[in-house]
Amino acid sequence: MLEPLQQPFMQRALLELALVGVAGGALGCWVVQYGFSYAAESLAHSIFPGLVLAAIAGVPLLLGATPAVLLAALAIAACARIAGVSREAAVAAVVTTAFGVGVLLALSPSSPPGIESLLFGDVFGATDADLLAAAGLLLVAGPALYLLHGRFLAVGFDASAARGLGVSPAATEAALLALLALGTVVAVQGLGNLLVVAVFVAPAASARQLSDRMVPMMAIAAAIAVTGAAAGLYLSYYAGTAGGASVALALVAAYPLSLLAGRLRTAVRVTAAREATIG
């Protein structure tokens, strides 16, 4: 069981995914609470052209992903201001266009070999820069989630009441999306453009079945993310499957298990309530 962890590439992969998983799991609880799961997927797809350009230029992926996500956000805001165009339609139009441009760039003759790793990740190729970026994400997301916890709670559970408390729903949602964009830019290097959404949605969706309180839910989601990452890496090591896809599969597989556990938890609570009433 310990053999895979004796390999340096496995150690680095697990460390990167653990750092990203803790931050992504905790942040993902707010993503799910706010109904931003589609936004998470949209952000991942919108940075694909930037990733391809960075690969072609031979520069770190962060240098391509960061301006790409900012450009996508500006394009969505501009399209949403057009009369008769809803925000959902603006997101769909921008994301589809951006991903299509990325595919065209990936198919160009100047595209380097191994470009498919941008789609499915290269978790076993984690570099020192990747590990530093993952650690930086945790160092930024952790304090930010702590400082914004009250505002996220107020807006997430009653936006109209939050205004009365002096909390701006628009500014709060923008802060959450900014953290999500940062997390996506960092996590995409390990899990790839198509699979990165798994770390922000799957653990949080599973944790939501196991807890009704936000702080315990965030802790459970982080634990599920790290456990799923380890399980996915073990699956990849022994079965010879793709690393990023194996991790995403393990994270998603936790959801049906959480549904069963959640139903059992509800049944136990209902039984306890009935016994208390009878007693």
C-alpha atoms as a PDB file:
ATOM      1  CA  MET A   1       0.000   0.000   0.000  1.00  0.00           C
ATOM      2  CA  LEU A   2       2.867   2.366   0.685  1.00  0.00           C
ATOM      3  CA  GLU A   3       4.821   1.541  -2.471  1.00  0.00           C
ATOM      4  CA  PRO A   4       3.291   4.309  -4.624  1.00  0.00           C
ATOM      5  CA  LEU A   5       4.095   6.935  -1.998  1.00  0.00           C
ATOM      6  CA  GLN A   6       7.770   6.021  -2.215  1.00  0.00           C
ATOM      7  CA  GLN A   7       7.854   7.392  -5.762  1.00  0.00           C
ATOM      8  CA  PRO A   8       8.833  11.097  -5.956  1.00  0.00           C
ATOM      9  CA  PHE A   9       6.330  11.827  -8.729  1.00  0.00           C
ATOM     10  CA  MET A  10       3.518  10.363  -6.605  1.00  0.00           C
ATOM     11  CA  GLN A  11       4.575  12.396  -3.596  1.00  0.00           C
ATOM     12  CA  ARG A  12       4.551  15.611  -5.609  1.00  0.00           C
ATOM     13  CA  ALA A  13       1.227  14.787  -7.238  1.00  0.00           C
ATOM     14  CA  LEU A  14      -0.404  14.013  -3.884  1.00  0.00           C
ATOM     15  CA  LEU A  15       1.005  17.175  -2.314  1.00  0.00           C
ATOM     16  CA  GLU A  16      -0.293  19.351  -5.138  1.00  0.00           C
ATOM     17  CA  LEU A  17      -3.735  17.742  -5.094  1.00  0.00           C
ATOM     18  CA  ALA A  18      -3.930  17.915  -1.301  1.00  0.00           C
ATOM     19  CA  LEU A  19      -3.226  21.651  -1.322  1.00  0.00           C
ATOM     20  CA  VAL A  20      -5.679  22.270  -4.146  1.00  0.00           C
ATOM     21  CA  GLY A  21      -8.207  19.877  -2.611  1.00  0.00           C
ATOM     22  CA  VAL A  22      -8.327  21.608   0.772  1.00  0.00           C
ATOM     23  CA  ALA A  23      -8.793  25.018  -0.836  1.00  0.00           C
ATOM     24  CA  GLY A  24     -11.132  23.735  -3.561  1.00  0.00           C
ATOM     25  CA  GLY A  25     -13.239  21.676  -1.189  1.00  0.00           C
ATOM     26  CA  ALA A  26     -13.829  24.567   1.203  1.00  0.00           C
ATOM     27  CA  LEU A  27     -14.398  27.092  -1.571  1.00  0.00           C
ATOM     28  CA  GLY A  28     -16.636  24.650  -3.418  1.00  0.00           C
ATOM     29  CA  CYS A  29     -19.169  24.646  -0.573  1.00  0.00           C
ATOM     30  CA  TRP A  30     -19.907  28.288  -1.313  1.00  0.00           C
ATOM     31  CA  VAL A  31     -19.884  27.600  -5.054  1.00  0.00           C
ATOM     32  CA  VAL A  32     -22.593  24.971  -4.563  1.00  0.00           C
ATOM     33  CA  GLN A  33     -24.518  27.098  -2.053  1.00  0.00           C
ATOM     34  CA  TYR A  34     -24.611  30.046  -4.464  1.00  0.00           C
ATOM     35  CA  GLY A  35     -25.521  27.873  -7.450  1.00  0.00           C
ATOM     36  CA  PHE A  36     -22.262  28.723  -9.236  1.00  0.00           C
ATOM     37  CA  SER A  37     -21.459  25.205 -10.431  1.00  0.00           C
ATOM     38  CA  TYR A  38     -22.046  26.236 -14.042  1.00  0.00           C
ATOM     39  CA  ALA A  39     -19.851  29.281 -13.483  1.00  0.00           C
ATOM     40  CA  ALA A  40     -17.048  26.981 -12.329  1.00  0.00           C
ATOM     41  CA  GLU A  41     -17.283  24.956 -15.517  1.00  0.00           C
ATOM     42  CA  SER A  42     -17.534  28.112 -17.604  1.00  0.00           C
ATOM     43  CA  LEU A  43     -14.396  29.627 -16.098  1.00  0.00           C
ATOM     44  CA  ALA A  44     -12.460  26.438 -16.774  1.00  0.00           C
ATOM     45  CA  HIS A  45     -13.490  26.311 -20.426  1.00  0.00           C
ATOM     46  CA  SER A  46     -12.932  30.025 -20.999  1.00  0.00           C
ATOM     47  CA  ILE A  47      -9.222  29.852 -20.155  1.00  0.00           C
ATOM     48  CA  PHE A  48      -8.472  27.131 -22.701  1.00  0.00           C
ATOM     49  CA  PRO A  49      -7.194  29.542 -25.413  1.00  0.00           C
ATOM     50  CA  GLY A  50      -4.808  31.085 -22.894  1.00  0.00           C
ATOM     51  CA  LEU A  51      -3.512  27.666 -21.901  1.00  0.00           C
ATOM     52  CA  VAL A  52      -2.870  26.704 -25.527  1.00  0.00           C
ATOM     53  CA  LEU A  53      -1.100  29.989 -26.278  1.00  0.00           C
ATOM     54  CA  ALA A  54       1.075  29.541 -23.192  1.00  0.00           C
ATOM     55  CA  ALA A  55       1.966  26.005 -24.289  1.00  0.00           C
ATOM     56  CA  ILE A  56       2.825  27.196 -27.795  1.00  0.00           C
ATOM     57  CA  ALA A  57       4.978  30.034 -26.423  1.00  0.00           C
ATOM     58  CA  GLY A  58       6.644  27.725 -23.917  1.00  0.00           C
ATOM     59  CA  VAL A  59       5.764  29.876 -20.896  1.00  0.00           C
ATOM     60  CA  PRO A  60       4.094  28.848 -17.598  1.00  0.00           C
ATOM     61  CA  LEU A  61       0.399  28.097 -17.978  1.00  0.00           C
ATOM     62  CA  LEU A  62      -0.453  30.685 -15.326  1.00  0.00           C
ATOM     63  CA  LEU A  63       0.753  33.411 -17.679  1.00  0.00           C
ATOM     64  CA  GLY A  64      -1.791  32.307 -20.257  1.00  0.00           C
ATOM     65  CA  ALA A  65      -4.678  31.391 -17.984  1.00  0.00           C
ATOM     66  CA  THR A  66      -4.744  34.604 -15.940  1.00  0.00           C
ATOM     67  CA  PRO A  67      -5.339  37.093 -18.800  1.00  0.00           C
ATOM     68  CA  ALA A  68      -7.701  34.601 -20.458  1.00  0.00           C
ATOM     69  CA  VAL A  69     -10.027  34.432 -17.454  1.00  0.00           C
ATOM     70  CA  LEU A  70      -9.987  38.225 -17.081  1.00  0.00           C
ATOM     71  CA  LEU A  71     -10.795  38.669 -20.764  1.00  0.00           C
ATOM     72  CA  ALA A  72     -13.640  36.159 -20.511  1.00  0.00           C
ATOM     73  CA  ALA A  73     -15.098  37.984 -17.503  1.00  0.00           C
ATOM     74  CA  LEU A  74     -15.007  41.300 -19.375  1.00  0.00           C
ATOM     75  CA  ALA A  75     -16.575  39.714 -22.469  1.00  0.00           C
ATOM     76  CA  ILE A  76     -19.396  38.201 -20.391  1.00  0.00           C
ATOM     77  CA  ALA A  77     -20.058  41.542 -18.711  1.00  0.00           C
ATOM     78  CA  ALA A  78     -20.136  43.303 -22.088  1.00  0.00           C
ATOM     79  CA  CYS A  79     -22.478  40.752 -23.679  1.00  0.00           C
ATOM     80  CA  ALA A  80     -24.803  40.835 -20.676  1.00  0.00           C
ATOM     81  CA  ARG A  81     -25.309  44.577 -21.206  1.00  0.00           C
ATOM     82  CA  ILE A  82     -26.763  43.990 -24.664  1.00  0.00           C
ATOM     83  CA  ALA A  83     -30.523  44.443 -24.646  1.00  0.00           C
ATOM     84  CA  GLY A  84     -32.381  41.142 -24.786  1.00  0.00           C
ATOM     85  CA  VAL A  85     -29.349  39.042 -23.833  1.00  0.00           C
ATOM     86  CA  SER A  86     -29.557  37.300 -20.459  1.00  0.00           C
ATOM     87  CA  ARG A  87     -26.510  36.675 -18.311  1.00  0.00           C
ATOM     88  CA  GLU A  88     -26.797  32.909 -18.886  1.00  0.00           C
ATOM     89  CA  ALA A  89     -26.855  33.448 -22.649  1.00  0.00           C
ATOM     90  CA  ALA A  90     -23.848  35.765 -22.411  1.00  0.00           C
ATOM     91  CA  VAL A  91     -21.888  33.160 -20.428  1.00  0.00           C
ATOM     92  CA  ALA A  92     -22.786  30.398 -22.888  1.00  0.00           C
ATOM     93  CA  ALA A  93     -21.815  32.519 -25.903  1.00  0.00           C
ATOM     94  CA  VAL A  94     -18.464  33.640 -24.493  1.00  0.00           C
ATOM     95  CA  VAL A  95     -17.471  30.246 -23.110  1.00  0.00           C
ATOM     96  CA  THR A  96     -18.406  28.378 -26.288  1.00  0.00           C
ATOM     97  CA  THR A  97     -16.508  30.876 -28.415  1.00  0.00           C
ATOM     98  CA  ALA A  98     -13.443  30.796 -26.160  1.00  0.00           C
ATOM     99  CA  PHE A  99     -13.311  27.013 -26.064  1.00  0.00           C
ATOM    100  CA  GLY A 100     -13.744  26.841 -29.846  1.00  0.00           C
ATOM    101  CA  VAL A 101     -10.857  29.266 -30.334  1.00  0.00           C
ATOM    102  CA  GLY A 102      -8.765  27.131 -27.993  1.00  0.00           C
ATOM    103  CA  VAL A 103      -9.519  24.000 -30.010  1.00  0.00           C
ATOM    104  CA  LEU A 104      -8.553  25.753 -33.252  1.00  0.00           C
ATOM    105  CA  LEU A 105      -5.264  26.876 -31.709  1.00  0.00           C
ATOM    106  CA  ALA A 106      -4.630  23.363 -30.368  1.00  0.00           C
ATOM    107  CA  LEU A 107      -5.091  21.906 -33.862  1.00  0.00           C
ATOM    108  CA  SER A 108      -2.732  24.391 -35.512  1.00  0.00           C
ATOM    109  CA  PRO A 109       0.629  23.153 -36.899  1.00  0.00           C
ATOM    110  CA  SER A 110       2.504  25.254 -34.328  1.00  0.00           C
ATOM    111  CA  SER A 111       0.836  23.429 -31.456  1.00  0.00           C
ATOM    112  CA  PRO A 112       3.395  21.383 -29.454  1.00  0.00           C
ATOM    113  CA  PRO A 113       2.998  17.620 -28.894  1.00  0.00           C
ATOM    114  CA  GLY A 114       1.149  16.536 -25.793  1.00  0.00           C
ATOM    115  CA  ILE A 115      -1.340  19.380 -26.027  1.00  0.00           C
ATOM    116  CA  GLU A 116      -4.044  16.976 -24.798  1.00  0.00           C
ATOM    117  CA  SER A 117      -2.573  17.315 -21.312  1.00  0.00           C
ATOM    118  CA  LEU A 118      -4.203  20.759 -21.197  1.00  0.00           C
ATOM    119  CA  LEU A 119      -7.588  19.062 -21.398  1.00  0.00           C
ATOM    120  CA  PHE A 120      -6.974  16.192 -18.999  1.00  0.00           C
ATOM    121  CA  GLY A 121      -4.106  17.466 -16.874  1.00  0.00           C
ATOM    122  CA  ASP A 122      -0.637  16.205 -16.088  1.00  0.00           C
ATOM    123  CA  VAL A 123      -0.788  15.692 -12.342  1.00  0.00           C
ATOM    124  CA  PHE A 124       2.299  13.462 -12.337  1.00  0.00           C
ATOM    125  CA  GLY A 125       4.346  16.245 -13.900  1.00  0.00           C
ATOM    126  CA  ALA A 126       3.927  18.686 -11.006  1.00  0.00           C
ATOM    127  CA  THR A 127       6.832  21.146 -10.899  1.00  0.00           C
ATOM    128  CA  ASP A 128       8.116  23.294  -8.055  1.00  0.00           C
ATOM    129  CA  ALA A 129       6.209  26.211  -9.573  1.00  0.00           C
ATOM    130  CA  ASP A 130       2.994  24.162  -9.566  1.00  0.00           C
ATOM    131  CA  LEU A 131       3.463  23.280  -5.897  1.00  0.00           C
ATOM    132  CA  LEU A 132       4.150  26.901  -5.015  1.00  0.00           C
ATOM    133  CA  ALA A 133       1.049  27.994  -6.912  1.00  0.00           C
ATOM    134  CA  ALA A 134      -1.068  25.388  -5.068  1.00  0.00           C
ATOM    135  CA  ALA A 135       0.352  26.511  -1.721  1.00  0.00           C
ATOM    136  CA  GLY A 136      -0.293  30.126  -2.688  1.00  0.00           C
ATOM    137  CA  LEU A 137      -3.912  29.287  -3.493  1.00  0.00           C
ATOM    138  CA  LEU A 138      -4.403  27.806  -0.031  1.00  0.00           C
ATOM    139  CA  LEU A 139      -2.686  30.765   1.634  1.00  0.00           C
ATOM    140  CA  VAL A 140      -4.961  33.197  -0.204  1.00  0.00           C
ATOM    141  CA  ALA A 141      -8.222  31.247  -0.144  1.00  0.00           C
ATOM    142  CA  GLY A 142      -7.999  30.242   3.530  1.00  0.00           C
ATOM    143  CA  PRO A 143      -7.799  33.752   5.042  1.00  0.00           C
ATOM    144  CA  ALA A 144     -10.218  35.101   2.415  1.00  0.00           C
ATOM    145  CA  LEU A 145     -12.866  32.510   3.277  1.00  0.00           C
ATOM    146  CA  TYR A 146     -12.373  33.260   6.976  1.00  0.00           C
ATOM    147  CA  LEU A 147     -12.695  37.026   6.548  1.00  0.00           C
ATOM    148  CA  LEU A 148     -15.647  36.806   4.150  1.00  0.00           C
ATOM    149  CA  HIS A 149     -17.483  34.030   5.980  1.00  0.00           C
ATOM    150  CA  GLY A 150     -20.079  36.323   7.531  1.00  0.00           C
ATOM    151  CA  ARG A 151     -20.772  38.099   4.250  1.00  0.00           C
ATOM    152  CA  PHE A 152     -21.030  34.823   2.345  1.00  0.00           C
ATOM    153  CA  LEU A 153     -23.491  33.525   4.933  1.00  0.00           C
ATOM    154  CA  ALA A 154     -25.627  36.652   4.820  1.00  0.00           C
ATOM    155  CA  VAL A 155     -25.893  36.758   1.033  1.00  0.00           C
ATOM    156  CA  GLY A 156     -26.003  33.007   0.502  1.00  0.00           C
ATOM    157  CA  PHE A 157     -29.002  32.469   2.755  1.00  0.00           C
ATOM    158  CA  ASP A 158     -30.945  35.720   2.353  1.00  0.00           C
ATOM    159  CA  ALA A 159     -29.672  38.300  -0.124  1.00  0.00           C
ATOM    160  CA  SER A 160     -32.488  40.775   0.569  1.00  0.00           C
ATOM    161  CA  ALA A 161     -31.826  40.707   4.310  1.00  0.00           C
ATOM    162  CA  ALA A 162     -28.092  41.069   3.646  1.00  0.00           C
ATOM    163  CA  ARG A 163     -28.697  44.465   2.045  1.00  0.00           C
ATOM    164  CA  GLY A 164     -30.334  45.605   5.253  1.00  0.00           C
ATOM    165  CA  LEU A 165     -27.165  44.592   7.112  1.00  0.00           C
ATOM    166  CA  GLY A 166     -25.035  46.687   4.773  1.00  0.00           C
ATOM    167  CA  VAL A 167     -23.691  43.731   2.800  1.00  0.00           C
ATOM    168  CA  SER A 168     -23.655  44.100  -0.984  1.00  0.00           C
ATOM    169  CA  PRO A 169     -24.765  40.880  -2.724  1.00  0.00           C
ATOM    170  CA  ALA A 170     -23.085  41.945  -5.983  1.00  0.00           C
ATOM    171  CA  ALA A 171     -19.735  42.640  -4.322  1.00  0.00           C
ATOM    172  CA  THR A 172     -19.937  39.421  -2.302  1.00  0.00           C
ATOM    173  CA  GLU A 173     -20.694  37.303  -5.342  1.00  0.00           C
ATOM    174  CA  ALA A 174     -17.885  39.039  -7.235  1.00  0.00           C
ATOM    175  CA  ALA A 175     -15.458  38.142  -4.442  1.00  0.00           C
ATOM    176  CA  LEU A 176     -16.561  34.510  -4.571  1.00  0.00           C
ATOM    177  CA  LEU A 177     -16.157  34.405  -8.345  1.00  0.00           C
ATOM    178  CA  ALA A 178     -12.697  35.986  -8.052  1.00  0.00           C
ATOM    179  CA  LEU A 179     -11.628  33.245  -5.629  1.00  0.00           C
ATOM    180  CA  LEU A 180     -13.147  30.647  -7.944  1.00  0.00           C
ATOM    181  CA  ALA A 181     -11.242  32.085 -10.911  1.00  0.00           C
ATOM    182  CA  LEU A 182      -7.989  31.994  -8.944  1.00  0.00           C
ATOM    183  CA  GLY A 183      -8.622  28.407  -7.888  1.00  0.00           C
ATOM    184  CA  THR A 184      -9.454  27.369 -11.442  1.00  0.00           C
ATOM    185  CA  VAL A 185      -6.287  28.919 -12.850  1.00  0.00           C
ATOM    186  CA  VAL A 186      -4.150  27.027 -10.321  1.00  0.00           C
ATOM    187  CA  ALA A 187      -6.001  23.694 -10.319  1.00  0.00           C
ATOM    188  CA  VAL A 188      -6.225  23.420 -14.108  1.00  0.00           C
ATOM    189  CA  GLN A 189      -2.515  22.665 -14.310  1.00  0.00           C
ATOM    190  CA  GLY A 190      -3.011  19.354 -12.518  1.00  0.00           C
ATOM    191  CA  LEU A 191      -6.517  18.278 -13.489  1.00  0.00           C
ATOM    192  CA  GLY A 192      -6.807  19.852 -16.907  1.00  0.00           C
ATOM    193  CA  ASN A 193      -9.368  22.090 -18.547  1.00  0.00           C
ATOM    194  CA  LEU A 194     -12.174  19.518 -18.717  1.00  0.00           C
ATOM    195  CA  LEU A 195     -11.770  17.969 -15.266  1.00  0.00           C
ATOM    196  CA  VAL A 196     -10.884  20.876 -12.972  1.00  0.00           C
ATOM    197  CA  VAL A 197     -14.525  21.568 -12.101  1.00  0.00           C
ATOM    198  CA  ALA A 198     -14.631  18.226 -10.261  1.00  0.00           C
ATOM    199  CA  VAL A 199     -12.512  19.510  -7.359  1.00  0.00           C
ATOM    200  CA  PHE A 200     -14.782  22.512  -6.784  1.00  0.00           C
ATOM    201  CA  VAL A 201     -18.165  20.810  -7.137  1.00  0.00           C
ATOM    202  CA  ALA A 202     -18.010  17.080  -6.370  1.00  0.00           C
ATOM    203  CA  PRO A 203     -16.551  17.193  -2.812  1.00  0.00           C
ATOM    204  CA  ALA A 204     -18.829  20.078  -1.831  1.00  0.00           C
ATOM    205  CA  ALA A 205     -21.917  18.390  -3.267  1.00  0.00           C
ATOM    206  CA  SER A 206     -21.032  15.245  -1.309  1.00  0.00           C
ATOM    207  CA  ALA A 207     -20.383  17.166   1.906  1.00  0.00           C
ATOM    208  CA  ARG A 208     -23.733  18.912   1.590  1.00  0.00           C
ATOM    209  CA  GLN A 209     -25.432  15.539   2.055  1.00  0.00           C
ATOM    210  CA  LEU A 210     -23.563  14.973   5.308  1.00  0.00           C
ATOM    211  CA  SER A 211     -23.870  18.294   7.132  1.00  0.00           C
ATOM    212  CA  ASP A 212     -26.332  21.173   7.472  1.00  0.00           C
ATOM    213  CA  ARG A 213     -23.780  23.645   8.828  1.00  0.00           C
ATOM    214  CA  MET A 214     -21.330  25.459   6.606  1.00  0.00           C
ATOM    215  CA  VAL A 215     -18.094  25.143   8.599  1.00  0.00           C
ATOM    216  CA  PRO A 216     -18.379  21.355   9.161  1.00  0.00           C
ATOM    217  CA  MET A 217     -19.463  21.033   5.532  1.00  0.00           C
ATOM    218  CA  MET A 218     -16.293  22.808   4.385  1.00  0.00           C
ATOM    219  CA  ALA A 219     -14.128  20.535   6.545  1.00  0.00           C
ATOM    220  CA  ILE A 220     -15.866  17.423   5.197  1.00  0.00           C
ATOM    221  CA  ALA A 221     -15.507  18.647   1.609  1.00  0.00           C
ATOM    222  CA  ALA A 222     -11.781  19.253   2.091  1.00  0.00           C
ATOM    223  CA  ALA A 223     -11.373  15.760   3.573  1.00  0.00           C
ATOM    224  CA  ILE A 224     -13.304  14.200   0.681  1.00  0.00           C
ATOM    225  CA  ALA A 225     -11.170  16.115  -1.833  1.00  0.00           C
ATOM    226  CA  VAL A 226      -7.894  14.918  -0.308  1.00  0.00           C
ATOM    227  CA  THR A 227      -9.132  11.341   0.122  1.00  0.00           C
ATOM    228  CA  GLY A 228     -10.479  11.268  -3.422  1.00  0.00           C
ATOM    229  CA  ALA A 229      -7.190  12.617  -4.752  1.00  0.00           C
ATOM    230  CA  ALA A 230      -5.248   9.854  -3.002  1.00  0.00           C
ATOM    231  CA  ALA A 231      -7.707   7.202  -4.212  1.00  0.00           C
ATOM    232  CA  GLY A 232      -7.489   8.493  -7.775  1.00  0.00           C
ATOM    233  CA  LEU A 233      -3.704   8.481  -7.734  1.00  0.00           C
ATOM    234  CA  TYR A 234      -3.638   4.906  -6.426  1.00  0.00           C
ATOM    235  CA  LEU A 235      -6.099   3.883  -9.145  1.00  0.00           C
ATOM    236  CA  SER A 236      -3.922   5.500 -11.789  1.00  0.00           C
ATOM    237  CA  TYR A 237      -0.741   3.902 -10.406  1.00  0.00           C
ATOM    238  CA  TYR A 238      -2.060   0.346 -10.308  1.00  0.00           C
ATOM    239  CA  ALA A 239      -4.547   0.394 -13.199  1.00  0.00           C
ATOM    240  CA  GLY A 240      -2.444   2.481 -15.566  1.00  0.00           C
ATOM    241  CA  THR A 241      -5.227   5.019 -16.132  1.00  0.00           C
ATOM    242  CA  ALA A 242      -4.806   8.763 -16.685  1.00  0.00           C
ATOM    243  CA  GLY A 243      -3.997  10.576 -13.452  1.00  0.00           C
ATOM    244  CA  GLY A 244      -6.335  13.566 -13.766  1.00  0.00           C
ATOM    245  CA  ALA A 245      -9.244  11.474 -15.011  1.00  0.00           C
ATOM    246  CA  SER A 246      -8.746   8.930 -12.208  1.00  0.00           C
ATOM    247  CA  VAL A 247      -8.806  11.662  -9.569  1.00  0.00           C
ATOM    248  CA  ALA A 248     -11.926  13.241 -11.080  1.00  0.00           C
ATOM    249  CA  LEU A 249     -13.610   9.816 -11.154  1.00  0.00           C
ATOM    250  CA  ALA A 250     -12.801   9.214  -7.483  1.00  0.00           C
ATOM    251  CA  LEU A 251     -14.143  12.630  -6.495  1.00  0.00           C
ATOM    252  CA  VAL A 252     -17.383  12.108  -8.398  1.00  0.00           C
ATOM    253  CA  ALA A 253     -17.747   8.531  -7.079  1.00  0.00           C
ATOM    254  CA  ALA A 254     -17.958   9.936  -3.564  1.00  0.00           C
ATOM    255  CA  TYR A 255     -21.259  11.645  -4.407  1.00  0.00           C
ATOM    256  CA  PRO A 256     -23.528   8.562  -4.716  1.00  0.00           C
ATOM    257  CA  LEU A 257     -21.953   7.216  -1.527  1.00  0.00           C
ATOM    258  CA  SER A 258     -22.761  10.493   0.216  1.00  0.00           C
ATOM    259  CA  LEU A 259     -26.367  10.230  -0.975  1.00  0.00           C
ATOM    260  CA  LEU A 260     -26.708   6.867   0.747  1.00  0.00           C
ATOM    261  CA  ALA A 261     -25.027   8.178   3.882  1.00  0.00           C
ATOM    262  CA  GLY A 262     -27.238  11.265   3.806  1.00  0.00           C
ATOM    263  CA  ARG A 263     -30.416   9.190   3.607  1.00  0.00           C
ATOM    264  CA  LEU A 264     -29.224   7.012   6.471  1.00  0.00           C
ATOM    265  CA  ARG A 265     -28.461  10.136   8.485  1.00  0.00           C
ATOM    266  CA  THR A 266     -31.949  11.501   7.807  1.00  0.00           C
ATOM    267  CA  ALA A 267     -33.577   8.207   8.741  1.00  0.00           C
ATOM    268  CA  VAL A 268     -31.657   8.106  12.038  1.00  0.00           C
ATOM    269  CA  ARG A 269     -32.683  11.669  12.857  1.00  0.00           C
ATOM    270  CA  VAL A 270     -36.333  10.981  12.032  1.00  0.00           C
ATOM    271  CA  THR A 271     -36.296   7.834  14.194  1.00  0.00           C
ATOM    272  CA  ALA A 272     -34.689   9.727  17.054  1.00  0.00           C
ATOM    273  CA  ALA A 273     -37.286  12.493  16.775  1.00  0.00           C
ATOM    274  CA  ARG A 274     -40.140   9.990  16.845  1.00  0.00           C
ATOM    275  CA  GLU A 275     -38.715   8.254  19.894  1.00  0.00           C
ATOM    276  CA  ALA A 276     -38.326  11.588  21.648  1.00  0.00           C
ATOM    277  CA  THR A 277     -41.914  12.479  20.837  1.00  0.00           C
ATOM    278  CA  ILE A 278     -43.231   9.119  22.085  1.00  0.00           C
ATOM    279  CA  GLY A 279     -41.088   9.351  25.189  1.00  0.00           C
END
